[in-house]
ModelCIF file with pLDDT and N, C-alpha, C, O atoms, coordinates in Angstrom:
data_MODEL
#
_entry.id   MODEL 
#
_entity.id                         1 
_entity.type                       polymer 
_entity.pdbx_number_of_molecules   1 
#
_entity_poly.entity_id                      1 
_entity_poly.type                           'polypeptide(L)' 
_entity_poly.nstd_linkage                   no 
_entity_poly.nstd_monomer                   no 
_entity_poly.pdbx_seq_one_letter_code       YPRGLSGNDIPLAGRIMAVADVYDALVSKRVYKSAMSHEEAMSIML 
_entity_poly.pdbx_seq_one_letter_code_can   YPRGLSGNDIPLAGRIMAVADVYDALVSKRVYKSAMSHEEAMSIML 
_entity_poly.pdbx_strand_id                 A 
#
loop_
_entity_poly_seq.entity_id 
_entity_poly_seq.num 
_entity_poly_seq.mon_id 
_entity_poly_seq.hetero 
1 1  TYR n 
1 2  PRO n 
1 3  ARG n 
1 4  GLY n 
1 5  LEU n 
1 6  SER n 
1 7  GLY n 
1 8  ASN n 
1 9  ASP n 
1 10 ILE n 
1 11 PRO n 
1 12 LEU n 
1 13 ALA n 
1 14 GLY n 
1 15 ARG n 
1 16 ILE n 
1 17 MET n 
1 18 ALA n 
1 19 VAL n 
1 20 ALA n 
1 21 ASP n 
1 22 VAL n 
1 23 TYR n 
1 24 ASP n 
1 25 ALA n 
1 26 LEU n 
1 27 VAL n 
1 28 SER n 
1 29 LYS n 
1 30 ARG n 
1 31 VAL n 
1 32 TYR n 
1 33 LYS n 
1 34 SER n 
1 35 ALA n 
1 36 MET n 
1 37 SER n 
1 38 HIS n 
1 39 GLU n 
1 40 GLU n 
1 41 ALA n 
1 42 MET n 
1 43 SER n 
1 44 ILE n 
1 45 MET n 
1 46 LEU n 
#
_struct_asym.id          A 
_struct_asym.entity_id   1 
#
loop_
_ma_qa_metric.id 
_ma_qa_metric.mode 
_ma_qa_metric.name 
_ma_qa_metric.software_group_id 
_ma_qa_metric.type 
1 global pLDDT . pLDDT 
2 local  pLDDT . pLDDT 
#
_ma_qa_metric_global.metric_id      1 
_ma_qa_metric_global.metric_value   93.30 
_ma_qa_metric_global.model_id       1 
_ma_qa_metric_global.ordinal_id     1 
#
loop_
_ma_qa_metric_local.label_asym_id 
_ma_qa_metric_local.label_comp_id 
_ma_qa_metric_local.label_seq_id 
_ma_qa_metric_local.metric_id 
_ma_qa_metric_local.metric_value 
_ma_qa_metric_local.model_id 
_ma_qa_metric_local.ordinal_id 
A TYR 1  2 96.00 1 1  
A PRO 2  2 97.00 1 2  
A ARG 3  2 97.00 1 3  
A GLY 4  2 97.00 1 4  
A LEU 5  2 97.00 1 5  
A SER 6  2 97.00 1 6  
A GLY 7  2 97.00 1 7  
A ASN 8  2 96.00 1 8  
A ASP 9  2 97.00 1 9  
A ILE 10 2 98.00 1 10 
A PRO 11 2 97.00 1 11 
A LEU 12 2 98.00 1 12 
A ALA 13 2 97.00 1 13 
A GLY 14 2 97.00 1 14 
A ARG 15 2 98.00 1 15 
A ILE 16 2 98.00 1 16 
A MET 17 2 97.00 1 17 
A ALA 18 2 98.00 1 18 
A VAL 19 2 98.00 1 19 
A ALA 20 2 97.00 1 20 
A ASP 21 2 95.00 1 21 
A VAL 22 2 97.00 1 22 
A TYR 23 2 97.00 1 23 
A ASP 24 2 95.00 1 24 
A ALA 25 2 92.00 1 25 
A LEU 26 2 95.00 1 26 
A VAL 27 2 94.00 1 27 
A SER 28 2 89.00 1 28 
A LYS 29 2 83.00 1 29 
A ARG 30 2 76.00 1 30 
A VAL 31 2 69.00 1 31 
A TYR 32 2 70.00 1 32 
A LYS 33 2 77.00 1 33 
A SER 34 2 84.00 1 34 
A ALA 35 2 88.00 1 35 
A MET 36 2 93.00 1 36 
A SER 37 2 94.00 1 37 
A HIS 38 2 95.00 1 38 
A GLU 39 2 95.00 1 39 
A GLU 40 2 95.00 1 40 
A ALA 41 2 95.00 1 41 
A MET 42 2 95.00 1 42 
A SER 43 2 96.00 1 43 
A ILE 44 2 96.00 1 44 
A MET 45 2 97.00 1 45 
A LEU 46 2 96.00 1 46 
#
loop_
_atom_site.group_PDB 
_atom_site.id 
_atom_site.type_symbol 
_atom_site.label_atom_id 
_atom_site.label_alt_id 
_atom_site.label_comp_id 
_atom_site.label_asym_id 
_atom_site.label_entity_id 
_atom_site.label_seq_id 
_atom_site.pdbx_PDB_ins_code 
_atom_site.Cartn_x 
_atom_site.Cartn_y 
_atom_site.Cartn_z 
_atom_site.occupancy 
_atom_site.B_iso_or_equiv 
_atom_site.pdbx_formal_charge 
_atom_site.auth_seq_id 
_atom_site.auth_comp_id 
_atom_site.auth_asym_id 
_atom_site.auth_atom_id 
_atom_site.pdbx_PDB_model_num 
ATOM 1   N N  . TYR A 1 1  ? 17.231 1.087  9.286   1.00 96.00 ? 1  TYR A N  1 
ATOM 2   C CA . TYR A 1 1  ? 17.212 0.173  10.430  1.00 96.00 ? 1  TYR A CA 1 
ATOM 3   C C  . TYR A 1 1  ? 17.049 -1.250 9.925   1.00 96.00 ? 1  TYR A C  1 
ATOM 4   O O  . TYR A 1 1  ? 16.624 -1.435 8.785   1.00 96.00 ? 1  TYR A O  1 
ATOM 5   N N  . PRO A 1 2  ? 17.370 -2.272 10.726  1.00 97.00 ? 2  PRO A N  1 
ATOM 6   C CA . PRO A 1 2  ? 17.658 -2.234 12.178  1.00 97.00 ? 2  PRO A CA 1 
ATOM 7   C C  . PRO A 1 2  ? 19.131 -2.038 12.537  1.00 97.00 ? 2  PRO A C  1 
ATOM 8   O O  . PRO A 1 2  ? 19.436 -1.836 13.713  1.00 97.00 ? 2  PRO A O  1 
ATOM 9   N N  . ARG A 1 3  ? 20.061 -2.089 11.571  1.00 97.00 ? 3  ARG A N  1 
ATOM 10  C CA . ARG A 1 3  ? 21.484 -2.085 11.922  1.00 97.00 ? 3  ARG A CA 1 
ATOM 11  C C  . ARG A 1 3  ? 22.252 -0.891 11.359  1.00 97.00 ? 3  ARG A C  1 
ATOM 12  O O  . ARG A 1 3  ? 23.451 -0.763 11.602  1.00 97.00 ? 3  ARG A O  1 
ATOM 13  N N  . GLY A 1 4  ? 21.586 -0.027 10.620  1.00 97.00 ? 4  GLY A N  1 
ATOM 14  C CA . GLY A 1 4  ? 22.275 1.134  10.068  1.00 97.00 ? 4  GLY A CA 1 
ATOM 15  C C  . GLY A 1 4  ? 23.325 0.770  9.040   1.00 97.00 ? 4  GLY A C  1 
ATOM 16  O O  . GLY A 1 4  ? 24.353 1.440  8.942   1.00 97.00 ? 4  GLY A O  1 
ATOM 17  N N  . LEU A 1 5  ? 23.083 -0.284 8.272   1.00 97.00 ? 5  LEU A N  1 
ATOM 18  C CA . LEU A 1 5  ? 24.019 -0.678 7.215   1.00 97.00 ? 5  LEU A CA 1 
ATOM 19  C C  . LEU A 1 5  ? 23.985 0.362  6.099   1.00 97.00 ? 5  LEU A C  1 
ATOM 20  O O  . LEU A 1 5  ? 23.001 1.081  5.927   1.00 97.00 ? 5  LEU A O  1 
ATOM 21  N N  . SER A 1 6  ? 25.078 0.424  5.347   1.00 97.00 ? 6  SER A N  1 
ATOM 22  C CA . SER A 1 6  ? 25.122 1.390  4.251   1.00 97.00 ? 6  SER A CA 1 
ATOM 23  C C  . SER A 1 6  ? 25.757 0.761  3.018   1.00 97.00 ? 6  SER A C  1 
ATOM 24  O O  . SER A 1 6  ? 26.472 -0.236 3.115   1.00 97.00 ? 6  SER A O  1 
ATOM 25  N N  . GLY A 1 7  ? 25.487 1.354  1.859   1.00 97.00 ? 7  GLY A N  1 
ATOM 26  C CA . GLY A 1 7  ? 26.107 0.956  0.604   1.00 97.00 ? 7  GLY A CA 1 
ATOM 27  C C  . GLY A 1 7  ? 25.958 -0.525 0.324   1.00 97.00 ? 7  GLY A C  1 
ATOM 28  O O  . GLY A 1 7  ? 24.903 -1.123 0.532   1.00 97.00 ? 7  GLY A O  1 
ATOM 29  N N  . ASN A 1 8  ? 27.051 -1.094 -0.156  1.00 96.00 ? 8  ASN A N  1 
ATOM 30  C CA . ASN A 1 8  ? 27.035 -2.509 -0.533  1.00 96.00 ? 8  ASN A CA 1 
ATOM 31  C C  . ASN A 1 8  ? 27.063 -3.456 0.662   1.00 96.00 ? 8  ASN A C  1 
ATOM 32  O O  . ASN A 1 8  ? 26.998 -4.673 0.491   1.00 96.00 ? 8  ASN A O  1 
ATOM 33  N N  . ASP A 1 9  ? 27.161 -2.898 1.886   1.00 97.00 ? 9  ASP A N  1 
ATOM 34  C CA . ASP A 1 9  ? 27.040 -3.747 3.065   1.00 97.00 ? 9  ASP A CA 1 
ATOM 35  C C  . ASP A 1 9  ? 25.602 -4.233 3.233   1.00 97.00 ? 9  ASP A C  1 
ATOM 36  O O  . ASP A 1 9  ? 25.346 -5.228 3.911   1.00 97.00 ? 9  ASP A O  1 
ATOM 37  N N  . ILE A 1 10 ? 24.671 -3.520 2.610   1.00 98.00 ? 10 ILE A N  1 
ATOM 38  C CA . ILE A 1 10 ? 23.276 -3.968 2.608   1.00 98.00 ? 10 ILE A CA 1 
ATOM 39  C C  . ILE A 1 10 ? 23.155 -5.073 1.564   1.00 98.00 ? 10 ILE A C  1 
ATOM 40  O O  . ILE A 1 10 ? 23.524 -4.848 0.412   1.00 98.00 ? 10 ILE A O  1 
ATOM 41  N N  . PRO A 1 11 ? 22.666 -6.230 1.908   1.00 97.00 ? 11 PRO A N  1 
ATOM 42  C CA . PRO A 1 11 ? 22.531 -7.299 0.911   1.00 97.00 ? 11 PRO A CA 1 
ATOM 43  C C  . PRO A 1 11 ? 21.740 -6.831 -0.315  1.00 97.00 ? 11 PRO A C  1 
ATOM 44  O O  . PRO A 1 11 ? 20.788 -6.060 -0.194  1.00 97.00 ? 11 PRO A O  1 
ATOM 45  N N  . LEU A 1 12 ? 22.139 -7.299 -1.473  1.00 98.00 ? 12 LEU A N  1 
ATOM 46  C CA . LEU A 1 12 ? 21.455 -6.915 -2.707  1.00 98.00 ? 12 LEU A CA 1 
ATOM 47  C C  . LEU A 1 12 ? 19.962 -7.212 -2.622  1.00 98.00 ? 12 LEU A C  1 
ATOM 48  O O  . LEU A 1 12 ? 19.145 -6.420 -3.092  1.00 98.00 ? 12 LEU A O  1 
ATOM 49  N N  . ALA A 1 13 ? 19.602 -8.344 -2.028  1.00 97.00 ? 13 ALA A N  1 
ATOM 50  C CA . ALA A 1 13 ? 18.189 -8.699 -1.904  1.00 97.00 ? 13 ALA A CA 1 
ATOM 51  C C  . ALA A 1 13 ? 17.426 -7.624 -1.136  1.00 97.00 ? 13 ALA A C  1 
ATOM 52  O O  . ALA A 1 13 ? 16.306 -7.271 -1.505  1.00 97.00 ? 13 ALA A O  1 
ATOM 53  N N  . GLY A 1 14 ? 18.033 -7.103 -0.066  1.00 97.00 ? 14 GLY A N  1 
ATOM 54  C CA . GLY A 1 14 ? 17.393 -6.052 0.716   1.00 97.00 ? 14 GLY A CA 1 
ATOM 55  C C  . GLY A 1 14 ? 17.296 -4.752 -0.042  1.00 97.00 ? 14 GLY A C  1 
ATOM 56  O O  . GLY A 1 14 ? 16.299 -4.039 0.078   1.00 97.00 ? 14 GLY A O  1 
ATOM 57  N N  . ARG A 1 15 ? 18.320 -4.424 -0.830  1.00 98.00 ? 15 ARG A N  1 
ATOM 58  C CA . ARG A 1 15 ? 18.304 -3.178 -1.603  1.00 98.00 ? 15 ARG A CA 1 
ATOM 59  C C  . ARG A 1 15 ? 17.222 -3.217 -2.684  1.00 98.00 ? 15 ARG A C  1 
ATOM 60  O O  . ARG A 1 15 ? 16.554 -2.218 -2.949  1.00 98.00 ? 15 ARG A O  1 
ATOM 61  N N  . ILE A 1 16 ? 17.064 -4.397 -3.306  1.00 98.00 ? 16 ILE A N  1 
ATOM 62  C CA . ILE A 1 16 ? 16.016 -4.534 -4.317  1.00 98.00 ? 16 ILE A CA 1 
ATOM 63  C C  . ILE A 1 16 ? 14.639 -4.456 -3.663  1.00 98.00 ? 16 ILE A C  1 
ATOM 64  O O  . ILE A 1 16 ? 13.741 -3.783 -4.170  1.00 98.00 ? 16 ILE A O  1 
ATOM 65  N N  . MET A 1 17 ? 14.477 -5.154 -2.527  1.00 97.00 ? 17 MET A N  1 
ATOM 66  C CA . MET A 1 17 ? 13.190 -5.146 -1.832  1.00 97.00 ? 17 MET A CA 1 
ATOM 67  C C  . MET A 1 17 ? 12.816 -3.741 -1.382  1.00 97.00 ? 17 MET A C  1 
ATOM 68  O O  . MET A 1 17 ? 11.640 -3.380 -1.391  1.00 97.00 ? 17 MET A O  1 
ATOM 69  N N  . ALA A 1 18 ? 13.809 -2.944 -0.987  1.00 98.00 ? 18 ALA A N  1 
ATOM 70  C CA . ALA A 1 18 ? 13.536 -1.583 -0.515  1.00 98.00 ? 18 ALA A CA 1 
ATOM 71  C C  . ALA A 1 18 ? 12.873 -0.750 -1.602  1.00 98.00 ? 18 ALA A C  1 
ATOM 72  O O  . ALA A 1 18 ? 11.923 -0.016 -1.330  1.00 98.00 ? 18 ALA A O  1 
ATOM 73  N N  . VAL A 1 19 ? 13.366 -0.859 -2.832  1.00 98.00 ? 19 VAL A N  1 
ATOM 74  C CA . VAL A 1 19 ? 12.781 -0.101 -3.948  1.00 98.00 ? 19 VAL A CA 1 
ATOM 75  C C  . VAL A 1 19 ? 11.331 -0.522 -4.164  1.00 98.00 ? 19 VAL A C  1 
ATOM 76  O O  . VAL A 1 19 ? 10.444 0.319  -4.312  1.00 98.00 ? 19 VAL A O  1 
ATOM 77  N N  . ALA A 1 20 ? 11.102 -1.834 -4.178  1.00 97.00 ? 20 ALA A N  1 
ATOM 78  C CA . ALA A 1 20 ? 9.752  -2.347 -4.391  1.00 97.00 ? 20 ALA A CA 1 
ATOM 79  C C  . ALA A 1 20 ? 8.821  -1.935 -3.258  1.00 97.00 ? 20 ALA A C  1 
ATOM 80  O O  . ALA A 1 20 ? 7.691  -1.514 -3.504  1.00 97.00 ? 20 ALA A O  1 
ATOM 81  N N  . ASP A 1 21 ? 9.287  -2.052 -2.031  1.00 95.00 ? 21 ASP A N  1 
ATOM 82  C CA . ASP A 1 21 ? 8.457  -1.794 -0.853  1.00 95.00 ? 21 ASP A CA 1 
ATOM 83  C C  . ASP A 1 21 ? 8.064  -0.329 -0.759  1.00 95.00 ? 21 ASP A C  1 
ATOM 84  O O  . ASP A 1 21 ? 6.900  -0.011 -0.515  1.00 95.00 ? 21 ASP A O  1 
ATOM 85  N N  . VAL A 1 22 ? 9.029  0.565  -0.950  1.00 97.00 ? 22 VAL A N  1 
ATOM 86  C CA . VAL A 1 22 ? 8.750  1.993  -0.814  1.00 97.00 ? 22 VAL A CA 1 
ATOM 87  C C  . VAL A 1 22 ? 7.853  2.486  -1.951  1.00 97.00 ? 22 VAL A C  1 
ATOM 88  O O  . VAL A 1 22 ? 6.916  3.248  -1.712  1.00 97.00 ? 22 VAL A O  1 
ATOM 89  N N  . TYR A 1 23 ? 8.133  2.061  -3.175  1.00 97.00 ? 23 TYR A N  1 
ATOM 90  C CA . TYR A 1 23 ? 7.279  2.499  -4.291  1.00 97.00 ? 23 TYR A CA 1 
ATOM 91  C C  . TYR A 1 23 ? 5.836  2.089  -4.018  1.00 97.00 ? 23 TYR A C  1 
ATOM 92  O O  . TYR A 1 23 ? 4.916  2.887  -4.199  1.00 97.00 ? 23 TYR A O  1 
ATOM 93  N N  . ASP A 1 24 ? 5.638  0.845  -3.583  1.00 95.00 ? 24 ASP A N  1 
ATOM 94  C CA . ASP A 1 24 ? 4.272  0.377  -3.360  1.00 95.00 ? 24 ASP A CA 1 
ATOM 95  C C  . ASP A 1 24 ? 3.616  1.129  -2.213  1.00 95.00 ? 24 ASP A C  1 
ATOM 96  O O  . ASP A 1 24 ? 2.424  1.430  -2.277  1.00 95.00 ? 24 ASP A O  1 
ATOM 97  N N  . ALA A 1 25 ? 4.369  1.438  -1.169  1.00 92.00 ? 25 ALA A N  1 
ATOM 98  C CA . ALA A 1 25 ? 3.814  2.192  -0.050  1.00 92.00 ? 25 ALA A CA 1 
ATOM 99  C C  . ALA A 1 25 ? 3.369  3.579  -0.496  1.00 92.00 ? 25 ALA A C  1 
ATOM 100 O O  . ALA A 1 25 ? 2.358  4.094  -0.019  1.00 92.00 ? 25 ALA A O  1 
ATOM 101 N N  . LEU A 1 26 ? 4.115  4.177  -1.400  1.00 95.00 ? 26 LEU A N  1 
ATOM 102 C CA . LEU A 1 26 ? 3.793  5.526  -1.865  1.00 95.00 ? 26 LEU A CA 1 
ATOM 103 C C  . LEU A 1 26 ? 2.521  5.559  -2.697  1.00 95.00 ? 26 LEU A C  1 
ATOM 104 O O  . LEU A 1 26 ? 1.698  6.459  -2.531  1.00 95.00 ? 26 LEU A O  1 
ATOM 105 N N  . VAL A 1 27 ? 2.349  4.588  -3.593  1.00 94.00 ? 27 VAL A N  1 
ATOM 106 C CA . VAL A 1 27 ? 1.207  4.640  -4.524  1.00 94.00 ? 27 VAL A CA 1 
ATOM 107 C C  . VAL A 1 27 ? -0.031 3.932  -3.970  1.00 94.00 ? 27 VAL A C  1 
ATOM 108 O O  . VAL A 1 27 ? -1.056 3.860  -4.647  1.00 94.00 ? 27 VAL A O  1 
ATOM 109 N N  . SER A 1 28 ? 0.057  3.409  -2.742  1.00 89.00 ? 28 SER A N  1 
ATOM 110 C CA . SER A 1 28 ? -1.069 2.680  -2.153  1.00 89.00 ? 28 SER A CA 1 
ATOM 111 C C  . SER A 1 28 ? -1.768 3.513  -1.084  1.00 89.00 ? 28 SER A C  1 
ATOM 112 O O  . SER A 1 28 ? -1.131 4.263  -0.345  1.00 89.00 ? 28 SER A O  1 
ATOM 113 N N  . LYS A 1 29 ? -3.089 3.365  -1.015  1.00 83.00 ? 29 LYS A N  1 
ATOM 114 C CA . LYS A 1 29 ? -3.877 4.022  0.009   1.00 83.00 ? 29 LYS A CA 1 
ATOM 115 C C  . LYS A 1 29 ? -3.771 3.242  1.309   1.00 83.00 ? 29 LYS A C  1 
ATOM 116 O O  . LYS A 1 29 ? -3.834 2.013  1.310   1.00 83.00 ? 29 LYS A O  1 
ATOM 117 N N  . ARG A 1 30 ? -3.612 3.944  2.389   1.00 76.00 ? 30 ARG A N  1 
ATOM 118 C CA . ARG A 1 30 ? -3.568 3.330  3.697   1.00 76.00 ? 30 ARG A CA 1 
ATOM 119 C C  . ARG A 1 30 ? -4.544 4.086  4.628   1.00 76.00 ? 30 ARG A C  1 
ATOM 120 O O  . ARG A 1 30 ? -4.990 5.186  4.303   1.00 76.00 ? 30 ARG A O  1 
ATOM 121 N N  . VAL A 1 31 ? -4.864 3.489  5.772   1.00 69.00 ? 31 VAL A N  1 
ATOM 122 C CA . VAL A 1 31 ? -5.813 4.136  6.677   1.00 69.00 ? 31 VAL A CA 1 
ATOM 123 C C  . VAL A 1 31 ? -5.284 5.479  7.162   1.00 69.00 ? 31 VAL A C  1 
ATOM 124 O O  . VAL A 1 31 ? -6.061 6.348  7.558   1.00 69.00 ? 31 VAL A O  1 
ATOM 125 N N  . TYR A 1 32 ? -3.982 5.649  7.134   1.00 70.00 ? 32 TYR A N  1 
ATOM 126 C CA . TYR A 1 32 ? -3.372 6.872  7.644   1.00 70.00 ? 32 TYR A CA 1 
ATOM 127 C C  . TYR A 1 32 ? -2.926 7.827  6.539   1.00 70.00 ? 32 TYR A C  1 
ATOM 128 O O  . TYR A 1 32 ? -2.368 8.884  6.835   1.00 70.00 ? 32 TYR A O  1 
ATOM 129 N N  . LYS A 1 33 ? -3.165 7.472  5.243   1.00 77.00 ? 33 LYS A N  1 
ATOM 130 C CA . LYS A 1 33 ? -2.748 8.363  4.158   1.00 77.00 ? 33 LYS A CA 1 
ATOM 131 C C  . LYS A 1 33 ? -3.482 8.023  2.871   1.00 77.00 ? 33 LYS A C  1 
ATOM 132 O O  . LYS A 1 33 ? -4.035 6.933  2.725   1.00 77.00 ? 33 LYS A O  1 
ATOM 133 N N  . SER A 1 34 ? -3.481 8.964  1.947   1.00 84.00 ? 34 SER A N  1 
ATOM 134 C CA . SER A 1 34 ? -4.033 8.737  0.616   1.00 84.00 ? 34 SER A CA 1 
ATOM 135 C C  . SER A 1 34 ? -2.938 8.219  -0.304  1.00 84.00 ? 34 SER A C  1 
ATOM 136 O O  . SER A 1 34 ? -1.749 8.368  -0.023  1.00 84.00 ? 34 SER A O  1 
ATOM 137 N N  . ALA A 1 35 ? -3.352 7.617  -1.394  1.00 88.00 ? 35 ALA A N  1 
ATOM 138 C CA . ALA A 1 35 ? -2.376 7.136  -2.369  1.00 88.00 ? 35 ALA A CA 1 
ATOM 139 C C  . ALA A 1 35 ? -1.806 8.298  -3.160  1.00 88.00 ? 35 ALA A C  1 
ATOM 140 O O  . ALA A 1 35 ? -2.531 9.219  -3.537  1.00 88.00 ? 35 ALA A O  1 
ATOM 141 N N  . MET A 1 36 ? -0.510 8.252  -3.410  1.00 93.00 ? 36 MET A N  1 
ATOM 142 C CA . MET A 1 36 ? 0.140  9.242  -4.282  1.00 93.00 ? 36 MET A CA 1 
ATOM 143 C C  . MET A 1 36 ? -0.041 8.831  -5.734  1.00 93.00 ? 36 MET A C  1 
ATOM 144 O O  . MET A 1 36 ? -0.298 7.664  -6.029  1.00 93.00 ? 36 MET A O  1 
ATOM 145 N N  . SER A 1 37 ? 0.091  9.770  -6.620  1.00 94.00 ? 37 SER A N  1 
ATOM 146 C CA . SER A 1 37 ? 0.109  9.447  -8.039  1.00 94.00 ? 37 SER A CA 1 
ATOM 147 C C  . SER A 1 37 ? 1.448  8.808  -8.388  1.00 94.00 ? 37 SER A C  1 
ATOM 148 O O  . SER A 1 37 ? 2.431  8.950  -7.660  1.00 94.00 ? 37 SER A O  1 
ATOM 149 N N  . HIS A 1 38 ? 1.466  8.112  -9.499  1.00 95.00 ? 38 HIS A N  1 
ATOM 150 C CA . HIS A 1 38 ? 2.715  7.494  -9.952  1.00 95.00 ? 38 HIS A CA 1 
ATOM 151 C C  . HIS A 1 38 ? 3.796  8.552  -10.122 1.00 95.00 ? 38 HIS A C  1 
ATOM 152 O O  . HIS A 1 38 ? 4.952  8.328  -9.766  1.00 95.00 ? 38 HIS A O  1 
ATOM 153 N N  . GLU A 1 39 ? 3.423  9.696  -10.664 1.00 95.00 ? 39 GLU A N  1 
ATOM 154 C CA . GLU A 1 39 ? 4.400  10.759 -10.918 1.00 95.00 ? 39 GLU A CA 1 
ATOM 155 C C  . GLU A 1 39 ? 4.982  11.298 -9.611  1.00 95.00 ? 39 GLU A C  1 
ATOM 156 O O  . GLU A 1 39 ? 6.185  11.543 -9.518  1.00 95.00 ? 39 GLU A O  1 
ATOM 157 N N  . GLU A 1 40 ? 4.122  11.482 -8.598  1.00 95.00 ? 40 GLU A N  1 
ATOM 158 C CA . GLU A 1 40 ? 4.615  11.959 -7.295  1.00 95.00 ? 40 GLU A CA 1 
ATOM 159 C C  . GLU A 1 40 ? 5.563  10.930 -6.681  1.00 95.00 ? 40 GLU A C  1 
ATOM 160 O O  . GLU A 1 40 ? 6.607  11.280 -6.131  1.00 95.00 ? 40 GLU A O  1 
ATOM 161 N N  . ALA A 1 41 ? 5.184  9.658  -6.784  1.00 95.00 ? 41 ALA A N  1 
ATOM 162 C CA . ALA A 1 41 ? 6.024  8.598  -6.231  1.00 95.00 ? 41 ALA A CA 1 
ATOM 163 C C  . ALA A 1 41 ? 7.371  8.551  -6.945  1.00 95.00 ? 41 ALA A C  1 
ATOM 164 O O  . ALA A 1 41 ? 8.409  8.358  -6.311  1.00 95.00 ? 41 ALA A O  1 
ATOM 165 N N  . MET A 1 42 ? 7.354  8.726  -8.256  1.00 95.00 ? 42 MET A N  1 
ATOM 166 C CA . MET A 1 42 ? 8.599  8.710  -9.017  1.00 95.00 ? 42 MET A CA 1 
ATOM 167 C C  . MET A 1 42 ? 9.534  9.825  -8.570  1.00 95.00 ? 42 MET A C  1 
ATOM 168 O O  . MET A 1 42 ? 10.746 9.635  -8.471  1.00 95.00 ? 42 MET A O  1 
ATOM 169 N N  . SER A 1 43 ? 8.952  10.994 -8.300  1.00 96.00 ? 43 SER A N  1 
ATOM 170 C CA . SER A 1 43 ? 9.762  12.127 -7.860  1.00 96.00 ? 43 SER A CA 1 
ATOM 171 C C  . SER A 1 43 ? 10.436 11.831 -6.524  1.00 96.00 ? 43 SER A C  1 
ATOM 172 O O  . SER A 1 43 ? 11.609 12.150 -6.329  1.00 96.00 ? 43 SER A O  1 
ATOM 173 N N  . ILE A 1 44 ? 9.689  11.218 -5.606  1.00 96.00 ? 44 ILE A N  1 
ATOM 174 C CA . ILE A 1 44 ? 10.254 10.895 -4.294  1.00 96.00 ? 44 ILE A CA 1 
ATOM 175 C C  . ILE A 1 44 ? 11.311 9.801  -4.410  1.00 96.00 ? 44 ILE A C  1 
ATOM 176 O O  . ILE A 1 44 ? 12.354 9.867  -3.760  1.00 96.00 ? 44 ILE A O  1 
ATOM 177 N N  . MET A 1 45 ? 11.039 8.800  -5.236  1.00 97.00 ? 45 MET A N  1 
ATOM 178 C CA . MET A 1 45 ? 12.019 7.728  -5.434  1.00 97.00 ? 45 MET A CA 1 
ATOM 179 C C  . MET A 1 45 ? 13.319 8.298  -5.988  1.00 97.00 ? 45 MET A C  1 
ATOM 180 O O  . MET A 1 45 ? 14.405 7.907  -5.560  1.00 97.00 ? 45 MET A O  1 
ATOM 181 N N  . LEU A 1 46 ? 13.209 9.216  -6.935  1.00 96.00 ? 46 LEU A N  1 
ATOM 182 C CA . LEU A 1 46 ? 14.401 9.804  -7.549  1.00 96.00 ? 46 LEU A CA 1 
ATOM 183 C C  . LEU A 1 46 ? 15.173 10.649 -6.537  1.00 96.00 ? 46 LEU A C  1 
ATOM 184 O O  . LEU A 1 46 ? 16.208 11.224 -6.875  1.00 96.00 ? 46 LEU A O  1 
#
């Protein structure tokens, strides 16, 4: 979201930010979840 873009239609800046944002969300503790290990996060990213 918000537009359902795919592939290279997604700006490169957004594609790079997505990797950074999701990895950090996975390995970080939040009020609604525990932090994953680096290895678990790597598996999900892959």
